[in-house]
C-alpha atoms as a PDB file:
ATOM      1  CA  MET A   1      41.641 -47.907  66.229  1.00  0.00           C
ATOM      2  CA  ASP A   2      38.567 -46.325  67.778  1.00  0.00           C
ATOM      3  CA  ASP A   3      35.228 -47.881  66.805  1.00  0.00           C
ATOM      4  CA  GLY A   4      33.270 -45.273  68.724  1.00  0.00           C
ATOM      5  CA  PRO A   5      31.158 -45.797  71.817  1.00  0.00           C
ATOM      6  CA  GLY A   6      30.712 -49.314  73.107  1.00  0.00           C
ATOM      7  CA  PRO A   7      27.436 -51.235  73.135  1.00  0.00           C
ATOM      8  CA  ARG A   8      26.717 -50.213  76.742  1.00  0.00           C
ATOM      9  CA  LEU A   9      27.056 -46.521  75.940  1.00  0.00           C
ATOM     10  CA  ARG A  10      24.812 -46.902  72.880  1.00  0.00           C
ATOM     11  CA  ARG A  11      22.133 -48.592  75.044  1.00  0.00           C
ATOM     12  CA  ILE A  12      22.317 -45.703  77.541  1.00  0.00           C
ATOM     13  CA  GLU A  13      22.027 -43.160  74.734  1.00  0.00           C
ATOM     14  CA  ARG A  14      18.995 -44.993  73.300  1.00  0.00           C
ATOM     15  CA  ARG A  15      17.315 -45.006  76.726  1.00  0.00           C
ATOM     16  CA  ILE A  16      17.965 -41.286  77.120  1.00  0.00           C
ATOM     17  CA  ASP A  17      16.609 -40.575  73.631  1.00  0.00           C
ATOM     18  CA  ASP A  18      13.519 -42.714  74.353  1.00  0.00           C
ATOM     19  CA  ARG A  19      12.921 -40.936  77.667  1.00  0.00           C
ATOM     20  CA  LEU A  20      13.313 -37.494  76.073  1.00  0.00           C
ATOM     21  CA  ARG A  21      10.836 -38.485  73.340  1.00  0.00           C
ATOM     22  CA  GLU A  22       8.345 -39.649  76.000  1.00  0.00           C
ATOM     23  CA  LEU A  23       8.699 -36.383  77.918  1.00  0.00           C
ATOM     24  CA  ALA A  24       8.275 -34.375  74.732  1.00  0.00           C
ATOM     25  CA  ASP A  25       5.165 -36.364  73.762  1.00  0.00           C
ATOM     26  CA  MET A  26       3.668 -35.689  77.220  1.00  0.00           C
ATOM     27  CA  GLY A  27       4.392 -31.973  76.863  1.00  0.00           C
ATOM     28  CA  GLU A  28       6.841 -31.886  79.778  1.00  0.00           C
ATOM     29  CA  LEU A  29       9.520 -30.124  77.740  1.00  0.00           C
ATOM     30  CA  THR A  30       7.453 -27.181  76.539  1.00  0.00           C
ATOM     31  CA  LYS A  31       7.740 -23.604  77.730  1.00  0.00           C
ATOM     32  CA  LEU A  32      11.223 -24.161  79.148  1.00  0.00           C
ATOM     33  CA  PRO A  33      13.728 -21.267  79.085  1.00  0.00           C
ATOM     34  CA  GLY A  34      15.602 -21.295  75.796  1.00  0.00           C
ATOM     35  CA  GLU A  35      13.180 -23.713  74.133  1.00  0.00           C
ATOM     36  CA  GLY A  36      13.844 -23.923  70.425  1.00  0.00           C
ATOM     37  CA  ALA A  37      17.006 -21.842  70.589  1.00  0.00           C
ATOM     38  CA  PRO A  38      20.162 -23.501  69.270  1.00  0.00           C
ATOM     39  CA  LEU A  39      22.989 -24.253  71.689  1.00  0.00           C
ATOM     40  CA  VAL A  40      25.741 -21.701  71.230  1.00  0.00           C
ATOM     41  CA  ASP A  41      29.256 -23.070  70.818  1.00  0.00           C
ATOM     42  CA  ASP A  42      30.946 -20.484  73.068  1.00  0.00           C
ATOM     43  CA  ASP A  43      34.257 -22.398  73.165  1.00  0.00           C
ATOM     44  CA  PRO A  44      35.187 -23.725  69.724  1.00  0.00           C
ATOM     45  CA  GLY A  45      38.457 -25.171  71.067  1.00  0.00           C
ATOM     46  CA  ALA A  46      36.633 -27.434  73.524  1.00  0.00           C
ATOM     47  CA  GLY A  47      35.957 -30.120  70.929  1.00  0.00           C
ATOM     48  CA  ASP A  48      33.505 -32.749  72.185  1.00  0.00           C
ATOM     49  CA  ARG A  49      33.364 -31.095  75.613  1.00  0.00           C
ATOM     50  CA  TRP A  50      31.707 -27.885  74.402  1.00  0.00           C
ATOM     51  CA  ALA A  51      28.191 -28.931  75.438  1.00  0.00           C
ATOM     52  CA  ALA A  52      29.303 -29.843  78.965  1.00  0.00           C
ATOM     53  CA  ARG A  53      31.137 -26.532  79.293  1.00  0.00           C
ATOM     54  CA  HIS A  54      28.110 -24.650  77.975  1.00  0.00           C
ATOM     55  CA  VAL A  55      25.783 -26.298  80.499  1.00  0.00           C
ATOM     56  CA  ALA A  56      28.247 -25.797  83.380  1.00  0.00           C
ATOM     57  CA  LYS A  57      28.790 -22.148  82.462  1.00  0.00           C
ATOM     58  CA  ASN A  58      25.058 -21.401  82.241  1.00  0.00           C
ATOM     59  CA  ALA A  59      24.433 -23.170  85.548  1.00  0.00           C
ATOM     60  CA  ASN A  60      27.183 -21.104  87.239  1.00  0.00           C
ATOM     61  CA  VAL A  61      29.039 -24.294  88.139  1.00  0.00           C
ATOM     62  CA  THR A  62      32.612 -23.734  89.262  1.00  0.00           C
ATOM     63  CA  PRO A  63      35.021 -26.674  89.289  1.00  0.00           C
ATOM     64  CA  GLU A  64      36.204 -27.645  92.760  1.00  0.00           C
ATOM     65  CA  PHE A  65      39.858 -27.008  91.900  1.00  0.00           C
ATOM     66  CA  VAL A  66      39.030 -23.366  91.080  1.00  0.00           C
ATOM     67  CA  GLU A  67      37.390 -22.915  94.495  1.00  0.00           C
ATOM     68  CA  LEU A  68      40.393 -24.611  96.137  1.00  0.00           C
ATOM     69  CA  ARG A  69      42.780 -22.302  94.296  1.00  0.00           C
ATOM     70  CA  ARG A  70      40.848 -19.259  95.567  1.00  0.00           C
ATOM     71  CA  GLU A  71      40.858 -20.607  99.126  1.00  0.00           C
ATOM     72  CA  ILE A  72      44.609 -21.289  98.909  1.00  0.00           C
ATOM     73  CA  ALA A  73      45.283 -17.752  97.678  1.00  0.00           C
ATOM     74  CA  ASP A  74      43.114 -16.223 100.426  1.00  0.00           C
ATOM     75  CA  ARG A  75      44.761 -18.256 103.180  1.00  0.00           C
ATOM     76  CA  ARG A  76      48.234 -17.546 101.811  1.00  0.00           C
ATOM     77  CA  ASP A  77      47.507 -13.801 101.803  1.00  0.00           C
ATOM     78  CA  ARG A  78      46.253 -13.963 105.419  1.00  0.00           C
ATOM     79  CA  LEU A  79      49.367 -15.892 106.431  1.00  0.00           C
ATOM     80  CA  VAL A  80      51.660 -13.338 104.779  1.00  0.00           C
ATOM     81  CA  ARG A  81      49.777 -10.476 106.491  1.00  0.00           C
ATOM     82  CA  ARG A  82      50.137 -12.269 109.843  1.00  0.00           C
ATOM     83  CA  LEU A  83      53.869 -12.716 109.225  1.00  0.00           C
ATOM     84  CA  ARG A  84      54.277  -9.032 108.382  1.00  0.00           C
ATOM     85  CA  ALA A  85      52.372  -7.974 111.484  1.00  0.00           C
ATOM     86  CA  HIS A  86      54.466 -10.283 113.655  1.00  0.00           C
ATOM     87  CA  ARG A  87      57.698  -9.010 112.113  1.00  0.00           C
ATOM     88  CA  ALA A  88      56.615  -5.416 112.857  1.00  0.00           C
ATOM     89  CA  TRP A  89      55.737  -6.432 116.440  1.00  0.00           C
ATOM     90  CA  LEU A  90      59.200  -8.015 116.875  1.00  0.00           C
ATOM     91  CA  GLU A  91      60.852  -4.837 115.588  1.00  0.00           C
ATOM     92  CA  ASP A  92      58.809  -2.761 118.064  1.00  0.00           C
ATOM     93  CA  ARG A  93      59.779  -5.135 120.886  1.00  0.00           C
ATOM     94  CA  ALA A  94      63.468  -4.900 119.926  1.00  0.00           C
ATOM     95  CA  ALA A  95      63.237  -1.099 120.065  1.00  0.00           C
ATOM     96  CA  LEU A  96      61.469  -1.330 123.433  1.00  0.00           C
ATOM     97  CA  LEU A  97      64.182  -3.587 124.852  1.00  0.00           C
ATOM     98  CA  THR A  98      66.851  -1.001 124.061  1.00  0.00           C
ATOM     99  CA  HIS A  99      65.054   1.580 126.215  1.00  0.00           C
ATOM    100  CA  LEU A 100      64.108  -0.603 129.186  1.00  0.00           C
ATOM    101  CA  PRO A 101      65.955  -0.413 132.473  1.00  0.00           C
ATOM    102  CA  ALA A 102      68.342  -3.324 133.025  1.00  0.00           C
ATOM    103  CA  GLU A 103      66.165  -4.996 135.680  1.00  0.00           C
ATOM    104  CA  ARG A 104      63.225  -5.321 133.234  1.00  0.00           C
ATOM    105  CA  ILE A 105      65.126  -6.465 130.136  1.00  0.00           C
ATOM    106  CA  LEU A 106      65.246 -10.184 131.038  1.00  0.00           C
ATOM    107  CA  ASP A 107      61.509 -10.390 131.765  1.00  0.00           C
ATOM    108  CA  ALA A 108      60.613  -8.470 128.603  1.00  0.00           C
ATOM    109  CA  ALA A 109      62.982 -10.600 126.508  1.00  0.00           C
ATOM    110  CA  ARG A 110      61.415 -13.790 127.932  1.00  0.00           C
ATOM    111  CA  ILE A 111      57.904 -12.513 127.153  1.00  0.00           C
ATOM    112  CA  THR A 112      59.002 -11.637 123.622  1.00  0.00           C
ATOM    113  CA  THR A 113      60.599 -15.061 123.106  1.00  0.00           C
ATOM    114  CA  ASP A 114      57.522 -16.877 124.437  1.00  0.00           C
ATOM    115  CA  HIS A 115      55.170 -14.848 122.247  1.00  0.00           C
ATOM    116  CA  ASP A 116      57.408 -15.369 119.212  1.00  0.00           C
ATOM    117  CA  ALA A 117      57.409 -19.154 119.786  1.00  0.00           C
ATOM    118  CA  ARG A 118      53.614 -19.187 120.172  1.00  0.00           C
ATOM    119  CA  VAL A 119      53.097 -17.204 116.945  1.00  0.00           C
ATOM    120  CA  GLU A 120      55.620 -19.429 115.137  1.00  0.00           C
ATOM    121  CA  SER A 121      53.612 -22.487 116.219  1.00  0.00           C
ATOM    122  CA  GLU A 122      50.336 -20.914 115.070  1.00  0.00           C
ATOM    123  CA  LEU A 123      51.872 -20.000 111.716  1.00  0.00           C
ATOM    124  CA  ARG A 124      53.256 -23.524 111.195  1.00  0.00           C
ATOM    125  CA  SER A 125      49.834 -24.995 112.029  1.00  0.00           C
ATOM    126  CA  ALA A 126      48.107 -22.645 109.565  1.00  0.00           C
ATOM    127  CA  LEU A 127      50.732 -23.512 106.950  1.00  0.00           C
ATOM    128  CA  ALA A 128      50.117 -27.254 107.471  1.00  0.00           C
ATOM    129  CA  GLU A 129      46.383 -26.677 106.853  1.00  0.00           C
ATOM    130  CA  LEU A 130      47.206 -24.611 103.774  1.00  0.00           C
ATOM    131  CA  ASN A 131      49.509 -27.314 102.402  1.00  0.00           C
ATOM    132  CA  ALA A 132      46.749 -29.894 102.962  1.00  0.00           C
ATOM    133  CA  LEU A 133      44.540 -27.766 100.684  1.00  0.00           C
ATOM    134  CA  VAL A 134      47.401 -27.541  98.177  1.00  0.00           C
ATOM    135  CA  ALA A 135      47.743 -31.346  98.190  1.00  0.00           C
ATOM    136  CA  ARG A 136      43.977 -31.747  97.679  1.00  0.00           C
ATOM    137  CA  HIS A 137      44.081 -29.236  94.813  1.00  0.00           C
ATOM    138  CA  ASN A 138      47.036 -31.007  93.212  1.00  0.00           C
ATOM    139  CA  LEU A 139      45.150 -34.311  93.193  1.00  0.00           C
ATOM    140  CA  LYS A 140      42.439 -32.729  91.033  1.00  0.00           C
ATOM    141  CA  VAL A 141      44.520 -30.941  88.401  1.00  0.00           C
ATOM    142  CA  PRO A 142      47.086 -31.913  85.766  1.00  0.00           C
ATOM    143  CA  LEU A 143      50.770 -31.472  86.555  1.00  0.00           C
ATOM    144  CA  ALA A 144      50.984 -28.140  84.731  1.00  0.00           C
ATOM    145  CA  LEU A 145      48.366 -26.583  87.074  1.00  0.00           C
ATOM    146  CA  GLN A 146      49.756 -27.936  90.336  1.00  0.00           C
ATOM    147  CA  ILE A 147      50.882 -25.631  93.130  1.00  0.00           C
ATOM    148  CA  PRO A 148      54.109 -26.411  95.010  1.00  0.00           C
ATOM    149  CA  PRO A 149      53.797 -26.838  98.796  1.00  0.00           C
ATOM    150  CA  LEU A 150      54.560 -23.674 100.737  1.00  0.00           C
ATOM    151  CA  ALA A 151      57.270 -23.277 103.365  1.00  0.00           C
ATOM    152  CA  LEU A 152      57.211 -20.715 106.164  1.00  0.00           C
ATOM    153  CA  GLU A 153      60.753 -19.630 105.318  1.00  0.00           C
ATOM    154  CA  HIS A 154      59.719 -18.943 101.715  1.00  0.00           C
ATOM    155  CA  LEU A 155      56.781 -16.831 102.892  1.00  0.00           C
ATOM    156  CA  ARG A 156      59.072 -14.918 105.256  1.00  0.00           C
ATOM    157  CA  ASP A 157      61.337 -14.035 102.352  1.00  0.00           C
ATOM    158  CA  ARG A 158      58.349 -12.594 100.464  1.00  0.00           C
ATOM    159  CA  SER A 159      56.763 -10.719 103.352  1.00  0.00           C
END
């Protein structure tokens, strides 16, 4: 059974009402943008949260999880582009190795292997940073909005 707000909340509300009355009596709340206009319920499904959503929307406030989701998508796209570029480079190197004279193949293969290992390390590091953002995002959203951690092998399959 819900008896409504507790005594503490009612005291806070009374103090806010008293302070707003004082400000109004002093004329501090006149000539403000939107003065006298009713608040528009632009999200009827929001229930008791409609006023908070209205204020946040008008103040251009974006929830942190939305910003995190954008950052995750941007970083994931950059990672996929880097994977595609590296795969194309490996294909070019493989074609080059078929045309090299025998005495240069071992050196070129070693250079290719070293570069591939270095890029693999960079990609794994970038993926670890990306998954840290995913974990941070997942702490801020309900289960239905969570993003699964990403694996390099999964990104390779998609690139």
